[in-house]
Amino acid sequence: MLVLSRKKDESIMIGDQIEVKILAVEGEQIKIGIVAPKTVKVHRSEVFEAIQAQNREALSTASNFLEQIKKK
C-alpha cells in the first residue's frame, strides 16, 4: 500500500487519467473528488463489496440452474 499525505486542494494522480482531489477536511471526515473517464467504475468499498456478493450469488444460482437442466 502506498501512503501519501495531501492537504486541502492538493491531488494525487493515478496513471494518466485519474485524479483524486482533496476537497475538504472537516474533523475526522475527508471529502475527496475523483476525476476519471466514464469508462472507469468508481464505487465506495462497501458498495463494491455488495456488488461482488450479488455477482457471486447470481453466478451460483445460474450454475445450479444449469446443473438442474443437465439432469433432465
PDB file of N, CA and C in Angstrom:
ATOM      1  N   MET A   1       0.846  -1.169   0.000  1.00  0.00           N
ATOM      2  CA  MET A   1       0.000   0.000   0.000  1.00  0.00           C
ATOM      3  C   MET A   1       0.896   1.238   0.000  1.00  0.00           C
ATOM      4  N   LEU A   2       0.581   2.137  -0.854  1.00  0.00           N
ATOM      5  CA  LEU A   2       1.271   3.420  -0.911  1.00  0.00           C
ATOM      6  C   LEU A   2       0.497   4.408  -0.039  1.00  0.00           C
ATOM      7  N   VAL A   3       1.169   5.065   0.879  1.00  0.00           N
ATOM      8  CA  VAL A   3       0.526   6.040   1.764  1.00  0.00           C
ATOM      9  C   VAL A   3       1.097   7.415   1.440  1.00  0.00           C
ATOM     10  N   LEU A   4       0.205   8.350   1.108  1.00  0.00           N
ATOM     11  CA  LEU A   4       0.612   9.711   0.766  1.00  0.00           C
ATOM     12  C   LEU A   4      -0.119  10.708   1.649  1.00  0.00           C
ATOM     13  N   SER A   5       0.534  11.787   1.961  1.00  0.00           N
ATOM     14  CA  SER A   5      -0.107  12.879   2.701  1.00  0.00           C
ATOM     15  C   SER A   5      -0.461  13.985   1.718  1.00  0.00           C
ATOM     16  N   ARG A   6      -1.662  14.499   1.847  1.00  0.00           N
ATOM     17  CA  ARG A   6      -2.130  15.591   0.992  1.00  0.00           C
ATOM     18  C   ARG A   6      -2.886  16.578   1.852  1.00  0.00           C
ATOM     19  N   LYS A   7      -2.883  17.829   1.447  1.00  0.00           N
ATOM     20  CA  LYS A   7      -3.651  18.876   2.123  1.00  0.00           C
ATOM     21  C   LYS A   7      -4.817  19.272   1.235  1.00  0.00           C
ATOM     22  N   LYS A   8      -5.723  20.057   1.805  1.00  0.00           N
ATOM     23  CA  LYS A   8      -6.870  20.551   1.042  1.00  0.00           C
ATOM     24  C   LYS A   8      -6.385  21.204  -0.245  1.00  0.00           C
ATOM     25  N   ASP A   9      -7.101  20.949  -1.322  1.00  0.00           N
ATOM     26  CA  ASP A   9      -6.838  21.470  -2.666  1.00  0.00           C
ATOM     27  C   ASP A   9      -5.628  20.828  -3.343  1.00  0.00           C
ATOM     28  N   GLU A  10      -5.033  19.805  -2.733  1.00  0.00           N
ATOM     29  CA  GLU A  10      -3.972  19.058  -3.396  1.00  0.00           C
ATOM     30  C   GLU A  10      -4.587  17.795  -3.990  1.00  0.00           C
ATOM     31  N   SER A  11      -3.841  17.132  -4.864  1.00  0.00           N
ATOM     32  CA  SER A  11      -4.395  15.949  -5.519  1.00  0.00           C
ATOM     33  C   SER A  11      -3.322  14.882  -5.720  1.00  0.00           C
ATOM     34  N   ILE A  12      -3.789  13.732  -6.131  1.00  0.00           N
ATOM     35  CA  ILE A  12      -2.941  12.588  -6.441  1.00  0.00           C
ATOM     36  C   ILE A  12      -3.363  12.102  -7.824  1.00  0.00           C
ATOM     37  N   MET A  13      -2.409  11.802  -8.670  1.00  0.00           N
ATOM     38  CA  MET A  13      -2.695  11.250  -9.997  1.00  0.00           C
ATOM     39  C   MET A  13      -2.488   9.740  -9.961  1.00  0.00           C
ATOM     40  N   ILE A  14      -3.423   9.010 -10.547  1.00  0.00           N
ATOM     41  CA  ILE A  14      -3.300   7.571 -10.728  1.00  0.00           C
ATOM     42  C   ILE A  14      -3.257   7.338 -12.231  1.00  0.00           C
ATOM     43  N   GLY A  15      -2.096   6.952 -12.709  1.00  0.00           N
ATOM     44  CA  GLY A  15      -1.921   6.839 -14.153  1.00  0.00           C
ATOM     45  C   GLY A  15      -2.015   8.221 -14.785  1.00  0.00           C
ATOM     46  N   ASP A  16      -2.453   8.236 -16.037  1.00  0.00           N
ATOM     47  CA  ASP A  16      -2.548   9.499 -16.778  1.00  0.00           C
ATOM     48  C   ASP A  16      -3.933  10.134 -16.711  1.00  0.00           C
ATOM     49  N   GLN A  17      -4.946   9.368 -16.291  1.00  0.00           N
ATOM     50  CA  GLN A  17      -6.309   9.852 -16.454  1.00  0.00           C
ATOM     51  C   GLN A  17      -7.132   9.943 -15.175  1.00  0.00           C
ATOM     52  N   ILE A  18      -6.617   9.496 -14.054  1.00  0.00           N
ATOM     53  CA  ILE A  18      -7.408   9.506 -12.819  1.00  0.00           C
ATOM     54  C   ILE A  18      -6.754  10.441 -11.810  1.00  0.00           C
ATOM     55  N   GLU A  19      -7.532  11.401 -11.343  1.00  0.00           N
ATOM     56  CA  GLU A  19      -7.044  12.358 -10.355  1.00  0.00           C
ATOM     57  C   GLU A  19      -7.941  12.294  -9.122  1.00  0.00           C
ATOM     58  N   VAL A  20      -7.325  12.158  -7.958  1.00  0.00           N
ATOM     59  CA  VAL A  20      -8.039  12.158  -6.685  1.00  0.00           C
ATOM     60  C   VAL A  20      -7.721  13.486  -6.007  1.00  0.00           C
ATOM     61  N   LYS A  21      -8.754  14.313  -5.803  1.00  0.00           N
ATOM     62  CA  LYS A  21      -8.580  15.644  -5.227  1.00  0.00           C
ATOM     63  C   LYS A  21      -9.094  15.682  -3.795  1.00  0.00           C
ATOM     64  N   ILE A  22      -8.345  16.328  -2.916  1.00  0.00           N
ATOM     65  CA  ILE A  22      -8.795  16.550  -1.549  1.00  0.00           C
ATOM     66  C   ILE A  22      -9.600  17.850  -1.560  1.00  0.00           C
ATOM     67  N   LEU A  23     -10.895  17.746  -1.311  1.00  0.00           N
ATOM     68  CA  LEU A  23     -11.776  18.917  -1.394  1.00  0.00           C
ATOM     69  C   LEU A  23     -11.946  19.617  -0.050  1.00  0.00           C
ATOM     70  N   ALA A  24     -12.017  18.830   1.027  1.00  0.00           N
ATOM     71  CA  ALA A  24     -12.229  19.420   2.346  1.00  0.00           C
ATOM     72  C   ALA A  24     -11.794  18.442   3.421  1.00  0.00           C
ATOM     73  N   VAL A  25     -11.358  18.999   4.540  1.00  0.00           N
ATOM     74  CA  VAL A  25     -11.032  18.215   5.722  1.00  0.00           C
ATOM     75  C   VAL A  25     -11.846  18.823   6.861  1.00  0.00           C
ATOM     76  N   GLU A  26     -12.789  18.041   7.395  1.00  0.00           N
ATOM     77  CA  GLU A  26     -13.680  18.530   8.451  1.00  0.00           C
ATOM     78  C   GLU A  26     -13.648  17.537   9.603  1.00  0.00           C
ATOM     79  N   GLY A  27     -12.864  17.809  10.616  1.00  0.00           N
ATOM     80  CA  GLY A  27     -12.721  16.881  11.740  1.00  0.00           C
ATOM     81  C   GLY A  27     -12.099  15.582  11.270  1.00  0.00           C
ATOM     82  N   GLU A  28     -12.805  14.472  11.486  1.00  0.00           N
ATOM     83  CA  GLU A  28     -12.313  13.165  11.064  1.00  0.00           C
ATOM     84  C   GLU A  28     -12.778  12.787   9.667  1.00  0.00           C
ATOM     85  N   GLN A  29     -13.529  13.652   9.019  1.00  0.00           N
ATOM     86  CA  GLN A  29     -14.068  13.354   7.702  1.00  0.00           C
ATOM     87  C   GLN A  29     -13.287  14.099   6.625  1.00  0.00           C
ATOM     88  N   ILE A  30     -12.987  13.395   5.559  1.00  0.00           N
ATOM     89  CA  ILE A  30     -12.280  13.991   4.420  1.00  0.00           C
ATOM     90  C   ILE A  30     -13.184  13.851   3.203  1.00  0.00           C
ATOM     91  N   LYS A  31     -13.375  14.932   2.478  1.00  0.00           N
ATOM     92  CA  LYS A  31     -14.159  14.880   1.247  1.00  0.00           C
ATOM     93  C   LYS A  31     -13.186  14.861   0.082  1.00  0.00           C
ATOM     94  N   ILE A  32     -13.370  13.867  -0.791  1.00  0.00           N
ATOM     95  CA  ILE A  32     -12.500  13.757  -1.961  1.00  0.00           C
ATOM     96  C   ILE A  32     -13.338  13.813  -3.221  1.00  0.00           C
ATOM     97  N   GLY A  33     -12.711  14.242  -4.279  1.00  0.00           N
ATOM     98  CA  GLY A  33     -13.321  14.229  -5.600  1.00  0.00           C
ATOM     99  C   GLY A  33     -12.462  13.357  -6.494  1.00  0.00           C
ATOM    100  N   ILE A  34     -13.103  12.623  -7.382  1.00  0.00           N
ATOM    101  CA  ILE A  34     -12.376  11.747  -8.285  1.00  0.00           C
ATOM    102  C   ILE A  34     -12.718  12.144  -9.711  1.00  0.00           C
ATOM    103  N   VAL A  35     -11.687  12.475 -10.476  1.00  0.00           N
ATOM    104  CA  VAL A  35     -11.841  12.802 -11.884  1.00  0.00           C
ATOM    105  C   VAL A  35     -11.303  11.614 -12.658  1.00  0.00           C
ATOM    106  N   ALA A  36     -12.199  10.929 -13.389  1.00  0.00           N
ATOM    107  CA  ALA A  36     -11.813   9.733 -14.129  1.00  0.00           C
ATOM    108  C   ALA A  36     -12.674   9.622 -15.384  1.00  0.00           C
ATOM    109  N   PRO A  37     -12.184   8.904 -16.380  1.00  0.00           N
ATOM    110  CA  PRO A  37     -13.011   8.680 -17.569  1.00  0.00           C
ATOM    111  C   PRO A  37     -14.295   7.938 -17.199  1.00  0.00           C
ATOM    112  N   LYS A  38     -15.343   8.137 -17.969  1.00  0.00           N
ATOM    113  CA  LYS A  38     -16.621   7.486 -17.684  1.00  0.00           C
ATOM    114  C   LYS A  38     -16.518   5.968 -17.761  1.00  0.00           C
ATOM    115  N   THR A  39     -15.521   5.464 -18.453  1.00  0.00           N
ATOM    116  CA  THR A  39     -15.354   4.017 -18.579  1.00  0.00           C
ATOM    117  C   THR A  39     -14.790   3.390 -17.305  1.00  0.00           C
ATOM    118  N   VAL A  40     -14.289   4.207 -16.383  1.00  0.00           N
ATOM    119  CA  VAL A  40     -13.739   3.709 -15.121  1.00  0.00           C
ATOM    120  C   VAL A  40     -14.840   3.733 -14.068  1.00  0.00           C
ATOM    121  N   LYS A  41     -15.139   2.564 -13.497  1.00  0.00           N
ATOM    122  CA  LYS A  41     -16.170   2.484 -12.465  1.00  0.00           C
ATOM    123  C   LYS A  41     -15.553   2.882 -11.131  1.00  0.00           C
ATOM    124  N   VAL A  42     -16.239   3.767 -10.412  1.00  0.00           N
ATOM    125  CA  VAL A  42     -15.769   4.231  -9.103  1.00  0.00           C
ATOM    126  C   VAL A  42     -16.894   3.988  -8.105  1.00  0.00           C
ATOM    127  N   HIS A  43     -16.602   3.197  -7.067  1.00  0.00           N
ATOM    128  CA  HIS A  43     -17.590   2.877  -6.031  1.00  0.00           C
ATOM    129  C   HIS A  43     -16.945   3.021  -4.660  1.00  0.00           C
ATOM    130  N   ARG A  44     -17.750   3.317  -3.654  1.00  0.00           N
ATOM    131  CA  ARG A  44     -17.283   3.180  -2.269  1.00  0.00           C
ATOM    132  C   ARG A  44     -17.032   1.698  -2.034  1.00  0.00           C
ATOM    133  N   SER A  45     -16.104   1.365  -1.149  1.00  0.00           N
ATOM    134  CA  SER A  45     -15.739  -0.041  -0.965  1.00  0.00           C
ATOM    135  C   SER A  45     -16.920  -0.901  -0.528  1.00  0.00           C
ATOM    136  N   GLU A  46     -17.797  -0.385   0.343  1.00  0.00           N
ATOM    137  CA  GLU A  46     -18.929  -1.197   0.792  1.00  0.00           C
ATOM    138  C   GLU A  46     -19.908  -1.470  -0.345  1.00  0.00           C
ATOM    139  N   VAL A  47     -20.063  -0.527  -1.274  1.00  0.00           N
ATOM    140  CA  VAL A  47     -20.918  -0.742  -2.435  1.00  0.00           C
ATOM    141  C   VAL A  47     -20.266  -1.755  -3.370  1.00  0.00           C
ATOM    142  N   PHE A  48     -18.967  -1.634  -3.580  1.00  0.00           N
ATOM    143  CA  PHE A  48     -18.232  -2.572  -4.421  1.00  0.00           C
ATOM    144  C   PHE A  48     -18.358  -3.994  -3.879  1.00  0.00           C
ATOM    145  N   GLU A  49     -18.208  -4.165  -2.568  1.00  0.00           N
ATOM    146  CA  GLU A  49     -18.315  -5.487  -1.951  1.00  0.00           C
ATOM    147  C   GLU A  49     -19.724  -6.058  -2.107  1.00  0.00           C
ATOM    148  N   ALA A  50     -20.748  -5.213  -1.995  1.00  0.00           N
ATOM    149  CA  ALA A  50     -22.125  -5.669  -2.180  1.00  0.00           C
ATOM    150  C   ALA A  50     -22.357  -6.116  -3.625  1.00  0.00           C
ATOM    151  N   ILE A  51     -21.818  -5.382  -4.574  1.00  0.00           N
ATOM    152  CA  ILE A  51     -21.934  -5.755  -5.991  1.00  0.00           C
ATOM    153  C   ILE A  51     -21.258  -7.098  -6.227  1.00  0.00           C
ATOM    154  N   GLN A  52     -20.062  -7.275  -5.661  1.00  0.00           N
ATOM    155  CA  GLN A  52     -19.334  -8.537  -5.820  1.00  0.00           C
ATOM    156  C   GLN A  52     -20.124  -9.697  -5.228  1.00  0.00           C
ATOM    157  N   ALA A  53     -20.717  -9.501  -4.050  1.00  0.00           N
ATOM    158  CA  ALA A  53     -21.512 -10.556  -3.412  1.00  0.00           C
ATOM    159  C   ALA A  53     -22.724 -10.918  -4.271  1.00  0.00           C
ATOM    160  N   GLN A  54     -23.392  -9.910  -4.832  1.00  0.00           N
ATOM    161  CA  GLN A  54     -24.544 -10.172  -5.705  1.00  0.00           C
ATOM    162  C   GLN A  54     -24.117 -10.919  -6.958  1.00  0.00           C
ATOM    163  N   ASN A  55     -22.968 -10.551  -7.505  1.00  0.00           N
ATOM    164  CA  ASN A  55     -22.459 -11.247  -8.694  1.00  0.00           C
ATOM    165  C   ASN A  55     -22.155 -12.710  -8.378  1.00  0.00           C
ATOM    166  N   ARG A  56     -21.529 -12.977  -7.222  1.00  0.00           N
ATOM    167  CA  ARG A  56     -21.230 -14.357  -6.835  1.00  0.00           C
ATOM    168  C   ARG A  56     -22.521 -15.158  -6.643  1.00  0.00           C
ATOM    169  N   GLU A  57     -23.521 -14.532  -6.008  1.00  0.00           N
ATOM    170  CA  GLU A  57     -24.803 -15.207  -5.791  1.00  0.00           C
ATOM    171  C   GLU A  57     -25.485 -15.508  -7.122  1.00  0.00           C
ATOM    172  N   ALA A  58     -25.460 -14.571  -8.044  1.00  0.00           N
ATOM    173  CA  ALA A  58     -26.077 -14.780  -9.357  1.00  0.00           C
ATOM    174  C   ALA A  58     -25.360 -15.892 -10.112  1.00  0.00           C
ATOM    175  N   LEU A  59     -24.048 -15.935 -10.021  1.00  0.00           N
ATOM    176  CA  LEU A  59     -23.274 -16.973 -10.697  1.00  0.00           C
ATOM    177  C   LEU A  59     -23.597 -18.342 -10.107  1.00  0.00           C
ATOM    178  N   SER A  60     -23.705 -18.406  -8.788  1.00  0.00           N
ATOM    179  CA  SER A  60     -24.036 -19.664  -8.112  1.00  0.00           C
ATOM    180  C   SER A  60     -25.429 -20.136  -8.512  1.00  0.00           C
ATOM    181  N   THR A  61     -26.379 -19.223  -8.551  1.00  0.00           N
ATOM    182  CA  THR A  61     -27.752 -19.560  -8.933  1.00  0.00           C
ATOM    183  C   THR A  61     -27.790 -20.052 -10.374  1.00  0.00           C
ATOM    184  N   ALA A  62     -27.058 -19.386 -11.261  1.00  0.00           N
ATOM    185  CA  ALA A  62     -27.019 -19.789 -12.667  1.00  0.00           C
ATOM    186  C   ALA A  62     -26.387 -21.173 -12.805  1.00  0.00           C
ATOM    187  N   SER A  63     -25.327 -21.444 -12.051  1.00  0.00           N
ATOM    188  CA  SER A  63     -24.669 -22.752 -12.104  1.00  0.00           C
ATOM    189  C   SER A  63     -25.611 -23.845 -11.622  1.00  0.00           C
ATOM    190  N   ASN A  64     -26.335 -23.583 -10.532  1.00  0.00           N
ATOM    191  CA  ASN A  64     -27.297 -24.563 -10.010  1.00  0.00           C
ATOM    192  C   ASN A  64     -28.411 -24.820 -11.021  1.00  0.00           C
ATOM    193  N   PHE A  65     -28.866 -23.786 -11.670  1.00  0.00           N
ATOM    194  CA  PHE A  65     -29.922 -23.912 -12.673  1.00  0.00           C
ATOM    195  C   PHE A  65     -29.442 -24.762 -13.841  1.00  0.00           C
ATOM    196  N   LEU A  66     -28.215 -24.528 -14.300  1.00  0.00           N
ATOM    197  CA  LEU A  66     -27.663 -25.306 -15.413  1.00  0.00           C
ATOM    198  C   LEU A  66     -27.506 -26.773 -15.032  1.00  0.00           C
ATOM    199  N   GLU A  67     -27.101 -27.045 -13.793  1.00  0.00           N
ATOM    200  CA  GLU A  67     -26.979 -28.421 -13.329  1.00  0.00           C
ATOM    201  C   GLU A  67     -28.340 -29.127 -13.342  1.00  0.00           C
ATOM    202  N   GLN A  68     -29.383 -28.404 -12.929  1.00  0.00           N
ATOM    203  CA  GLN A  68     -30.724 -28.997 -12.914  1.00  0.00           C
ATOM    204  C   GLN A  68     -31.185 -29.306 -14.332  1.00  0.00           C
ATOM    205  N   ILE A  69     -30.865 -28.458 -15.279  1.00  0.00           N
ATOM    206  CA  ILE A  69     -31.256 -28.678 -16.674  1.00  0.00           C
ATOM    207  C   ILE A  69     -30.524 -29.891 -17.225  1.00  0.00           C
ATOM    208  N   LYS A  70     -29.249 -30.035 -16.905  1.00  0.00           N
ATOM    209  CA  LYS A  70     -28.469 -31.184 -17.397  1.00  0.00           C
ATOM    210  C   LYS A  70     -29.027 -32.500 -16.900  1.00  0.00           C
ATOM    211  N   LYS A  71     -29.578 -32.517 -15.674  1.00  0.00           N
ATOM    212  CA  LYS A  71     -30.104 -33.751 -15.092  1.00  0.00           C
ATOM    213  C   LYS A  71     -31.389 -34.204 -15.766  1.00  0.00           C
ATOM    214  N   LYS A  72     -32.101 -33.311 -16.422  1.00  0.00           N
ATOM    215  CA  LYS A  72     -33.388 -33.646 -17.059  1.00  0.00           C
ATOM    216  C   LYS A  72     -33.175 -34.258 -18.374  1.00  0.00           C
TER     217      LYS A  72
END
